């Protein structure tokens, strides 16, 4: 007998959604988190979420409406701003509407949903390592609030410990799961929240993302208003060799160059964080084991946002776990369905944007300014690409816009090449294996595509 059907390590949005889904379906689940109960949800974040993610969860697992006291401000669009700060593209549509929210209140709401559904919460508890029996995961060893080690057994263990992947990293070497990540597949960020009593944000419903390859190579600066006199502002960059410290970017680039930073403001919060920015882990399951959220690399590789995709991952993992428990098969085969479902709904897009990420790393400020000024790229192009992972270049109106930029022919040829590689990776993901036996052969198809992308 096991202590629980499922134990979930990490009560972030992904882990809490997993626990909620499993408990709602009548299975016993323990949700643990290293933070005190009243601090769960307090973390570095852009504090914004598209409304389509909530609707998706409502359809999948019956997620209730988000309480209004969690929402700080409604969001109606995103401005992408060129390095010259003179040209911008406004992306607006059903997929860019959403909310700016209180991160702590959001986290507290999600764990309350899980508890109301029947999940047991164990806060102030650290996941130490997986318990391995006969080569497979059989539970986890934790350090409880009293400082005592405790073994907790379960039919399924879910690693939702965030970017550290605390349990993933300690799996046996024989696991098909990637245990570690490359440095280049991570983003490091610094984020501040300010009250600006003497500065008014004129369009508080529009989020702003600033692109500058000299200041934030492999990343960007964001300014996300949370009302007329409050803002979430930060900088994030890929952890490539020689990358700048994002806290220094805030001090040396952001503070001297933004108007609201020249007024009196109050610092509400200031902290850093790390997130994975790559395709999802190639298999997010093994025998009796699943990955969710940042631990599974369920994050958009371009902007580092991961709440919506973690919610999706948590819901799909929970539904798969329930099915596996009912069929009494929690082996990798019994849990495998989680992989192709997630890859089809979001992972394929992630992989395509991961390819696009390498192209963006090699674009210059001059090229970006040129593309914005000549309208070679339209907001609708970027919106389509960001939402589908598909960059379509045909012989119609888009092609004519590309031809108009003939002065930058090498750039246009690279755009065409990266678009083809993005399509190639999507085709590979459309053929994700339906059982574990095809994983190794499928993975061999990924390497050549990413190698080409890094060279574009």
Protein backbone atom coordinates (compact mmCIF):
# COMPACT_ATOMS: atom_id res chain seq x y z
CA UNK A 1 0.00 0.00 0.00
CA UNK A 2 1.14 3.53 -0.73
CA UNK A 3 0.50 6.64 1.35
CA UNK A 4 -1.19 8.44 -1.56
CA UNK A 5 -2.23 7.82 -5.13
CA UNK A 6 -0.18 10.85 -6.17
CA UNK A 7 2.28 13.18 -4.47
CA UNK A 8 2.98 16.50 -6.19
CA UNK A 9 6.19 18.32 -5.28
CA UNK A 10 5.68 22.05 -5.84
CA UNK A 11 2.46 24.04 -5.38
CA UNK A 12 2.93 26.58 -8.16
CA UNK A 13 0.22 26.99 -10.77
CA UNK A 14 1.24 23.77 -12.59
CA UNK A 15 1.51 21.65 -9.47
CA UNK A 16 -1.66 23.04 -7.90
CA UNK A 17 -3.62 22.44 -11.12
CA UNK A 18 -2.34 18.86 -11.24
CA UNK A 19 -3.44 18.28 -7.63
CA UNK A 20 -6.80 19.97 -8.26
CA UNK A 21 -7.50 17.80 -11.30
CA UNK A 22 -6.54 14.56 -9.56
CA UNK A 23 -8.44 15.30 -6.34
CA UNK A 24 -11.52 16.41 -8.27
CA UNK A 25 -11.58 12.95 -9.82
CA UNK A 26 -11.60 11.22 -6.45
CA UNK A 27 -7.97 10.18 -6.08
CA UNK A 28 -5.84 10.83 -3.00
CA UNK A 29 -3.17 13.47 -3.60
CA UNK A 30 -0.61 15.21 -1.41
CA UNK A 31 0.64 18.63 -2.52
CA UNK A 32 3.87 19.77 -0.87
CA UNK A 33 5.71 23.08 -1.09
CA UNK A 34 8.80 24.51 0.56
CA UNK A 35 7.09 27.83 1.33
CA UNK A 36 4.82 28.64 4.25
CA UNK A 37 1.19 28.31 3.29
CA UNK A 38 0.52 32.06 3.22
CA UNK A 39 3.55 32.64 0.97
CA UNK A 40 2.74 30.10 -1.76
CA UNK A 41 2.39 32.05 -5.01
CA UNK A 42 4.82 34.80 -4.04
CA UNK A 43 7.47 34.62 -6.76
CA UNK A 44 9.21 36.52 -9.55
CA UNK A 45 6.75 36.88 -12.42
CA UNK A 46 5.48 39.22 -15.09
CA UNK A 47 2.07 38.94 -13.38
CA UNK A 48 0.11 38.69 -16.64
CA UNK A 49 -2.01 35.92 -18.17
CA UNK A 50 -4.01 35.63 -21.38
CA UNK A 51 -7.72 35.01 -20.90
CA UNK A 52 -7.62 32.17 -23.46
CA UNK A 53 -5.56 30.08 -21.03
CA UNK A 54 -8.28 30.30 -18.39
CA UNK A 55 -10.92 29.34 -20.95
CA UNK A 56 -8.81 26.37 -22.01
CA UNK A 57 -8.63 25.14 -18.39
CA UNK A 58 -12.35 25.69 -17.95
CA UNK A 59 -13.00 23.40 -20.91
CA UNK A 60 -10.50 20.75 -19.80
CA UNK A 61 -11.05 20.48 -16.04
CA UNK A 62 -13.84 22.88 -15.11
CA UNK A 63 -11.64 25.62 -13.67
CA UNK A 64 -13.86 28.29 -12.05
CA UNK A 65 -13.84 31.99 -12.93
CA UNK A 66 -10.84 33.87 -11.56
CA UNK A 67 -12.01 36.00 -8.58
CA UNK A 68 -12.01 39.71 -9.31
CA UNK A 69 -9.96 40.60 -6.24
CA UNK A 70 -7.01 38.77 -7.83
CA UNK A 71 -7.13 40.87 -11.01
CA UNK A 72 -5.15 44.11 -10.83
CA UNK A 73 -5.99 45.37 -14.31
CA UNK A 74 -7.44 44.19 -17.62
CA UNK A 75 -4.98 43.74 -20.50
CA UNK A 76 -6.03 44.47 -24.10
CA UNK A 77 -2.82 44.26 -26.10
CA UNK A 78 0.97 44.15 -26.30
CA UNK A 79 3.33 46.69 -27.88
CA UNK A 80 6.61 45.35 -29.25
CA UNK A 81 9.02 48.30 -29.43
CA UNK A 82 12.09 48.58 -31.70
CA UNK A 83 15.54 49.51 -30.34
CA UNK A 84 15.18 53.07 -31.68
CA UNK A 85 12.10 53.47 -29.42
CA UNK A 86 10.40 55.29 -32.34
CA UNK A 87 8.67 52.34 -33.97
CA UNK A 88 6.33 49.86 -32.36
CA UNK A 89 3.96 47.10 -33.33
CA UNK A 90 0.73 46.74 -31.39
CA UNK A 91 -0.51 43.18 -31.15
CA UNK A 92 -4.20 43.01 -30.35
CA UNK A 93 -6.69 40.21 -30.65
CA UNK A 94 -8.48 37.51 -28.69
CA UNK A 95 -5.16 35.95 -27.66
CA UNK A 96 -3.67 39.18 -26.27
CA UNK A 97 -6.54 40.05 -23.95
CA UNK A 98 -6.18 38.97 -20.38
CA UNK A 99 -5.29 40.21 -16.96
CA UNK A 100 -2.55 41.69 -14.87
CA UNK A 101 -2.92 40.00 -11.49
CA UNK A 102 -1.66 39.82 -7.92
CA UNK A 103 0.75 36.88 -8.06
CA UNK A 104 0.44 35.93 -4.39
CA UNK A 105 -3.36 36.03 -4.46
CA UNK A 106 -3.36 33.97 -7.65
CA UNK A 107 -1.16 31.32 -6.05
CA UNK A 108 -3.30 31.23 -2.92
CA UNK A 109 -6.44 30.81 -5.02
CA UNK A 110 -5.01 27.84 -6.89
CA UNK A 111 -3.98 25.96 -3.75
CA UNK A 112 -7.38 26.67 -2.22
CA UNK A 113 -9.01 25.12 -5.29
CA UNK A 114 -6.87 22.01 -4.85
CA UNK A 115 -7.73 21.77 -1.15
CA UNK A 116 -11.45 22.24 -1.74
CA UNK A 117 -11.31 19.46 -4.32
CA UNK A 118 -9.83 17.15 -1.66
CA UNK A 119 -6.05 17.52 -2.00
CA UNK A 120 -3.96 17.55 1.17
CA UNK A 121 -1.45 20.39 1.43
CA UNK A 122 1.86 20.08 3.29
CA UNK A 123 3.56 23.52 3.31
CA UNK A 124 7.02 24.39 4.66
CA UNK A 125 8.21 21.03 3.33
CA UNK A 126 11.18 20.48 1.02
CA UNK A 127 11.38 17.74 -1.57
CA UNK A 128 14.79 16.14 -0.99
CA UNK A 129 15.00 13.31 -3.51
CA UNK A 130 12.95 10.58 -5.16
CA UNK A 131 12.69 7.20 -3.47
CA UNK A 132 13.92 4.61 -5.95
CA UNK A 133 12.89 0.96 -5.61
CA UNK A 134 13.86 -1.65 -8.19
CA UNK A 135 15.01 1.11 -10.51
CA UNK A 136 11.74 3.06 -10.50
CA UNK A 137 10.28 5.95 -8.51
CA UNK A 138 8.20 4.84 -5.52
CA UNK A 139 7.79 8.11 -3.62
CA UNK A 140 9.81 11.03 -2.31
CA UNK A 141 11.91 11.81 0.73
CA UNK A 142 11.01 15.19 2.23
CA UNK A 143 12.25 17.48 4.98
CA UNK A 144 9.18 18.58 6.93
CA UNK A 145 8.53 21.82 8.82
CA UNK A 146 10.05 20.37 12.00
CA UNK A 147 13.30 19.55 10.24
CA UNK A 148 12.65 15.80 10.14
CA UNK A 149 13.14 13.63 7.07
CA UNK A 150 10.09 11.66 6.04
CA UNK A 151 9.43 9.07 3.33
CA UNK A 152 6.17 9.48 1.42
CA UNK A 153 5.15 6.71 -0.96
CA UNK A 154 2.82 7.12 -3.92
CA UNK A 155 1.79 5.35 -7.10
CA UNK A 156 2.78 8.48 -9.05
CA UNK A 157 5.22 11.27 -8.17
CA UNK A 158 4.89 14.61 -9.98
CA UNK A 159 7.89 16.94 -10.13
CA UNK A 160 6.58 20.50 -10.21
CA UNK A 161 9.57 21.98 -8.37
CA UNK A 162 10.20 24.69 -10.94
CA UNK A 163 13.28 25.49 -13.00
CA UNK A 164 15.55 23.55 -10.62
CA UNK A 165 13.82 20.25 -11.46
CA UNK A 166 14.83 19.00 -8.02
CA UNK A 167 13.49 15.47 -8.51
CA UNK A 168 14.15 15.27 -12.26
CA UNK A 169 17.86 15.89 -11.72
CA UNK A 170 18.10 12.95 -9.28
CA UNK A 171 16.44 10.29 -11.41
CA UNK A 172 18.48 7.18 -12.24
CA UNK A 173 20.80 7.52 -15.23
CA UNK A 174 18.70 4.92 -17.03
CA UNK A 175 15.70 7.27 -17.24
CA UNK A 176 14.70 8.48 -20.73
CA UNK A 177 13.94 11.88 -19.18
CA UNK A 178 16.53 14.62 -19.70
CA UNK A 179 17.80 15.24 -16.19
CA UNK A 180 19.75 18.48 -16.80
CA UNK A 181 19.43 21.52 -19.05
CA UNK A 182 22.03 23.40 -21.05
CA UNK A 183 22.87 26.88 -19.76
CA UNK A 184 21.79 28.39 -23.07
CA UNK A 185 18.30 26.98 -22.50
CA UNK A 186 17.67 29.14 -19.44
CA UNK A 187 16.69 32.76 -18.93
CA UNK A 188 17.70 34.82 -15.91
CA UNK A 189 15.58 37.86 -15.04
CA UNK A 190 15.22 40.68 -12.57
CA UNK A 191 11.83 42.22 -11.83
CA UNK A 192 10.69 45.25 -9.80
CA UNK A 193 7.19 46.42 -8.92
CA UNK A 194 6.73 50.15 -8.33
CA UNK A 195 4.03 52.52 -7.21
CA UNK A 196 4.36 55.75 -9.24
CA UNK A 197 2.19 58.40 -7.51
CA UNK A 198 3.65 61.21 -9.67
CA UNK A 199 3.54 59.38 -12.98
CA UNK A 200 0.44 58.26 -14.88
CA UNK A 201 0.53 55.40 -17.38
CA UNK A 202 -1.66 56.58 -20.24
CA UNK A 203 -2.41 53.09 -21.60
CA UNK A 204 -2.37 50.81 -18.56
CA UNK A 205 -4.16 48.09 -20.52
CA UNK A 206 -1.22 47.73 -22.97
CA UNK A 207 1.87 45.72 -22.02
CA UNK A 208 5.19 46.92 -23.47
CA UNK A 209 8.15 44.79 -24.54
CA UNK A 210 11.36 46.58 -25.57
CA UNK A 211 13.83 44.93 -27.91
CA UNK A 212 17.50 45.97 -27.84
CA UNK A 213 20.25 43.57 -28.86
CA UNK A 214 23.03 45.71 -27.42
CA UNK A 215 21.49 45.97 -23.97
CA UNK A 216 19.47 42.76 -23.62
CA UNK A 217 20.97 40.27 -26.07
CA UNK A 218 18.92 37.09 -26.02
CA UNK A 219 16.09 38.77 -24.14
CA UNK A 220 14.17 41.98 -23.62
CA UNK A 221 12.96 44.61 -21.19
CA UNK A 222 9.31 44.68 -20.16
CA UNK A 223 7.05 47.39 -18.76
CA UNK A 224 3.71 45.96 -17.66
CA UNK A 225 1.43 48.60 -16.10
CA UNK A 226 -0.88 47.38 -13.35
CA UNK A 227 -3.06 50.48 -13.37
CA UNK A 228 -2.35 54.17 -13.84
CA UNK A 229 0.17 54.40 -10.99
CA UNK A 230 1.64 50.92 -10.63
CA UNK A 231 4.00 48.93 -12.86
CA UNK A 232 5.83 45.61 -13.15
CA UNK A 233 9.14 46.29 -14.91
CA UNK A 234 12.03 43.94 -15.56
CA UNK A 235 14.72 42.56 -17.84
CA UNK A 236 15.50 38.99 -18.84
CA UNK A 237 18.28 37.47 -20.95
CA UNK A 238 19.42 34.03 -22.09
CA UNK A 239 22.27 32.64 -20.01
CA UNK A 240 24.61 32.45 -22.99
CA UNK A 241 28.33 33.01 -22.54
CA UNK A 242 29.07 36.60 -21.54
CA UNK A 243 25.44 37.50 -20.81
CA UNK A 244 24.78 40.62 -18.75
CA UNK A 245 23.45 40.52 -15.22
CA UNK A 246 19.78 41.56 -15.47
CA UNK A 247 19.99 43.48 -12.21
CA UNK A 248 22.77 45.56 -13.77
CA UNK A 249 20.63 46.06 -16.88
CA UNK A 250 17.92 47.50 -14.64
CA UNK A 251 20.39 49.88 -12.98
CA UNK A 252 22.41 50.91 -16.03
CA UNK A 253 19.85 50.82 -18.86
CA UNK A 254 16.28 50.87 -17.58
CA UNK A 255 16.50 53.41 -14.77
CA UNK A 256 18.26 56.14 -16.82
CA UNK A 257 16.03 55.74 -19.91
CA UNK A 258 12.43 55.42 -18.81
CA UNK A 259 10.42 58.52 -17.88
CA UNK A 260 8.61 57.01 -14.91
CA UNK A 261 11.99 56.10 -13.41
CA UNK A 262 12.84 59.81 -13.21
CA UNK A 263 9.96 60.48 -10.80
CA UNK A 264 9.54 59.59 -7.15
CA UNK A 265 8.40 56.00 -6.88
CA UNK A 266 8.00 53.39 -4.19
CA UNK A 267 9.56 49.95 -4.57
CA UNK A 268 6.90 47.35 -3.71
CA UNK A 269 9.00 44.31 -4.59
CA UNK A 270 12.38 43.56 -6.16
CA UNK A 271 13.81 40.13 -6.96
CA UNK A 272 15.33 37.83 -9.56
CA UNK A 273 14.47 34.46 -11.02
CA UNK A 274 15.35 31.77 -13.55
CA UNK A 275 13.16 30.08 -16.15
CA UNK A 276 13.78 27.47 -18.87
CA UNK A 277 13.34 28.74 -22.44
CA UNK A 278 13.38 25.80 -24.84
CA UNK A 279 11.17 23.07 -26.20
CA UNK A 280 9.48 20.89 -23.56
CA UNK A 281 11.40 17.98 -22.06
CA UNK A 282 11.31 15.33 -24.79
CA UNK A 283 9.46 12.88 -22.55
CA UNK A 284 7.76 14.25 -19.45
CA UNK A 285 7.03 10.80 -18.01
CA UNK A 286 8.80 7.68 -16.79
CA UNK A 287 7.57 4.78 -14.68
CA UNK A 288 5.44 6.27 -11.85
CA UNK A 289 6.83 9.73 -12.57
CA UNK A 290 5.65 12.91 -14.32
CA UNK A 291 6.95 16.44 -14.93
CA UNK A 292 4.85 19.61 -14.87
CA UNK A 293 5.50 23.34 -15.30
CA UNK A 294 9.03 24.75 -15.37
CA UNK A 295 10.41 21.33 -14.34
CA UNK A 296 9.04 20.07 -17.67
CA UNK A 297 10.22 23.20 -19.54
CA UNK A 298 6.62 24.17 -20.24
CA UNK A 299 7.57 27.79 -20.95
CA UNK A 300 7.32 29.99 -24.03
CA UNK A 301 10.93 30.17 -25.37
CA UNK A 302 10.53 33.71 -26.71
CA UNK A 303 9.13 35.65 -23.77
CA UNK A 304 9.64 33.22 -20.88
CA UNK A 305 5.98 33.25 -19.87
CA UNK A 306 4.93 29.94 -18.37
CA UNK A 307 1.75 30.31 -16.33
CA UNK A 308 -0.71 29.44 -19.10
CA UNK A 309 1.33 26.51 -20.43
CA UNK A 310 1.93 25.23 -16.88
CA UNK A 311 -1.80 25.31 -16.26
CA UNK A 312 -2.30 23.26 -19.41
CA UNK A 313 0.47 20.85 -18.41
CA UNK A 314 -1.00 20.43 -14.94
CA UNK A 315 -4.47 19.72 -16.29
CA UNK A 316 -3.26 17.18 -18.86
CA UNK A 317 -0.93 15.50 -16.35
CA UNK A 318 -3.77 15.26 -13.85
CA UNK A 319 -6.19 13.76 -16.34
CA UNK A 320 -3.57 11.26 -17.51
CA UNK A 321 -2.69 10.29 -13.94
CA UNK A 322 -6.34 9.61 -13.09
CA UNK A 323 -6.73 7.42 -16.16
CA UNK A 324 -3.52 5.52 -15.34
CA UNK A 325 -4.59 4.95 -11.73
CA UNK A 326 -7.98 3.65 -12.81
CA UNK A 327 -6.39 1.24 -15.27
CA UNK A 328 -3.77 0.28 -12.63
CA UNK A 329 -0.93 1.02 -15.02
CA UNK A 330 1.35 3.84 -13.87
CA UNK A 331 4.30 2.66 -15.95
CA UNK A 332 5.81 4.90 -18.60
CA UNK A 333 3.40 3.30 -21.08
CA UNK A 334 0.41 4.00 -18.84
CA UNK A 335 1.42 7.65 -18.44
CA UNK A 336 2.66 8.19 -22.00
CA UNK A 337 -0.57 9.76 -23.29
CA UNK A 338 0.37 12.97 -21.45
CA UNK A 339 3.28 13.52 -23.87
CA UNK A 340 1.49 13.55 -27.25
CA UNK A 341 -1.49 15.48 -25.84
CA UNK A 342 0.72 18.28 -24.55
CA UNK A 343 2.93 18.26 -27.65
CA UNK A 344 -0.10 18.65 -29.88
CA UNK A 345 -1.73 21.41 -27.82
CA UNK A 346 1.37 23.49 -26.97
CA UNK A 347 4.69 21.65 -27.22
CA UNK A 348 4.86 21.82 -30.99
CA UNK A 349 4.52 25.60 -30.84
CA UNK A 350 7.18 25.72 -28.13
CA UNK A 351 9.62 23.77 -30.28
CA UNK A 352 9.01 26.04 -33.25
CA UNK A 353 9.53 29.17 -31.16
CA UNK A 354 12.68 27.56 -29.76
CA UNK A 355 14.00 27.48 -33.34
CA UNK A 356 12.93 31.12 -33.79
CA UNK A 357 14.76 32.04 -30.57
CA UNK A 358 18.13 31.32 -32.19
CA UNK A 359 17.32 33.48 -35.18
CA UNK A 360 16.39 36.38 -32.88
CA UNK A 361 19.71 36.03 -31.07
CA UNK A 362 21.58 36.83 -34.29
CA UNK A 363 19.53 39.84 -35.45
CA UNK A 364 21.07 43.30 -35.04
CA UNK A 365 19.43 46.50 -33.79
CA UNK A 366 19.87 48.00 -37.26
CA UNK A 367 18.00 45.10 -38.84
CA UNK A 368 15.19 45.28 -36.30
CA UNK A 369 14.76 49.03 -36.78
CA UNK A 370 14.76 48.53 -40.55
CA UNK A 371 12.11 45.81 -40.40
CA UNK A 372 9.85 47.92 -38.19
CA UNK A 373 10.33 51.12 -40.20
CA UNK A 374 9.70 49.49 -43.59
CA UNK A 375 6.80 47.44 -42.19
CA UNK A 376 8.46 44.25 -43.41
CA UNK A 377 7.01 42.72 -40.25
CA UNK A 378 3.46 43.49 -39.21
CA UNK A 379 1.90 43.04 -35.80
CA UNK A 380 -0.38 40.37 -37.23
CA UNK A 381 2.70 38.41 -38.41
CA UNK A 382 4.24 38.42 -34.96
CA UNK A 383 0.95 37.64 -33.27
CA UNK A 384 0.38 34.67 -35.58
CA UNK A 385 3.92 33.43 -35.04
CA UNK A 386 3.79 33.81 -31.26
CA UNK A 387 0.46 32.01 -31.00
CA UNK A 388 0.97 29.22 -33.54
CA UNK A 389 4.74 28.88 -33.91
CA UNK A 390 4.22 29.06 -37.67
CA UNK A 391 5.87 31.81 -39.75
CA UNK A 392 4.15 31.74 -43.12
CA UNK A 393 5.88 33.41 -46.06
CA UNK A 394 3.99 33.11 -49.32
CA UNK A 395 3.78 34.84 -52.69
CA UNK A 396 1.03 37.23 -51.66
CA UNK A 397 0.99 40.41 -49.62
CA UNK A 398 3.60 39.19 -47.11
CA UNK A 399 6.01 38.35 -49.92
CA UNK A 400 5.61 41.81 -51.43
CA UNK A 401 6.48 43.33 -48.07
CA UNK A 402 9.64 41.22 -47.93
CA UNK A 403 10.63 42.32 -51.43
CA UNK A 404 10.20 45.95 -50.33
CA UNK A 405 13.13 45.37 -47.99
CA UNK A 406 15.50 44.29 -50.71
CA UNK A 407 18.15 46.54 -49.18
CA UNK A 408 18.53 43.90 -46.48
CA UNK A 409 18.53 40.84 -48.72
CA UNK A 410 20.72 38.70 -46.39
CA UNK A 411 18.25 39.33 -43.54
CA UNK A 412 15.32 38.38 -45.74
CA UNK A 413 17.01 35.17 -46.85
CA UNK A 414 17.62 34.29 -43.20
CA UNK A 415 13.97 35.00 -42.37
CA UNK A 416 12.93 32.64 -45.15
CA UNK A 417 15.32 29.94 -43.94
CA UNK A 418 14.21 30.14 -40.32
CA UNK A 419 10.57 30.00 -41.41
CA UNK A 420 11.31 26.73 -43.22
CA UNK A 421 13.08 25.30 -40.17
CA UNK A 422 10.15 26.25 -37.96
CA UNK A 423 7.86 24.37 -40.30
CA UNK A 424 10.21 21.37 -40.27
CA UNK A 425 10.21 21.14 -36.49
CA UNK A 426 6.42 21.36 -36.40
CA UNK A 427 6.23 18.47 -38.84
CA UNK A 428 8.53 16.43 -36.59
CA UNK A 429 6.30 17.17 -33.60
CA UNK A 430 3.21 16.21 -35.55
CA UNK A 431 4.77 12.72 -35.65
CA UNK A 432 5.55 12.52 -31.94
CA UNK A 433 5.71 8.80 -31.01
CA UNK A 434 2.53 7.22 -29.67
CA UNK A 435 4.45 4.93 -27.33
CA UNK A 436 7.86 4.98 -25.60
CA UNK A 437 9.50 2.63 -28.11
CA UNK A 438 9.71 5.36 -30.74
CA UNK A 439 11.27 8.06 -28.56
CA UNK A 440 14.97 7.57 -29.37
CA UNK A 441 14.42 7.49 -33.13
CA UNK A 442 12.19 10.56 -32.93
CA UNK A 443 14.73 12.54 -30.89
CA UNK A 444 17.39 11.95 -33.53
CA UNK A 445 15.38 14.12 -35.92
CA UNK A 446 15.57 17.18 -33.64
CA UNK A 447 19.33 17.76 -33.53
CA UNK A 448 19.98 18.63 -37.19
CA UNK A 449 17.14 21.19 -37.22
CA UNK A 450 18.37 23.01 -34.13
CA UNK A 451 21.96 22.90 -35.41
CA UNK A 452 20.85 24.71 -38.57
CA UNK A 453 18.78 27.20 -36.58
CA UNK A 454 21.78 28.22 -34.50
CA UNK A 455 23.72 28.94 -37.67
CA UNK A 456 21.09 31.08 -39.42
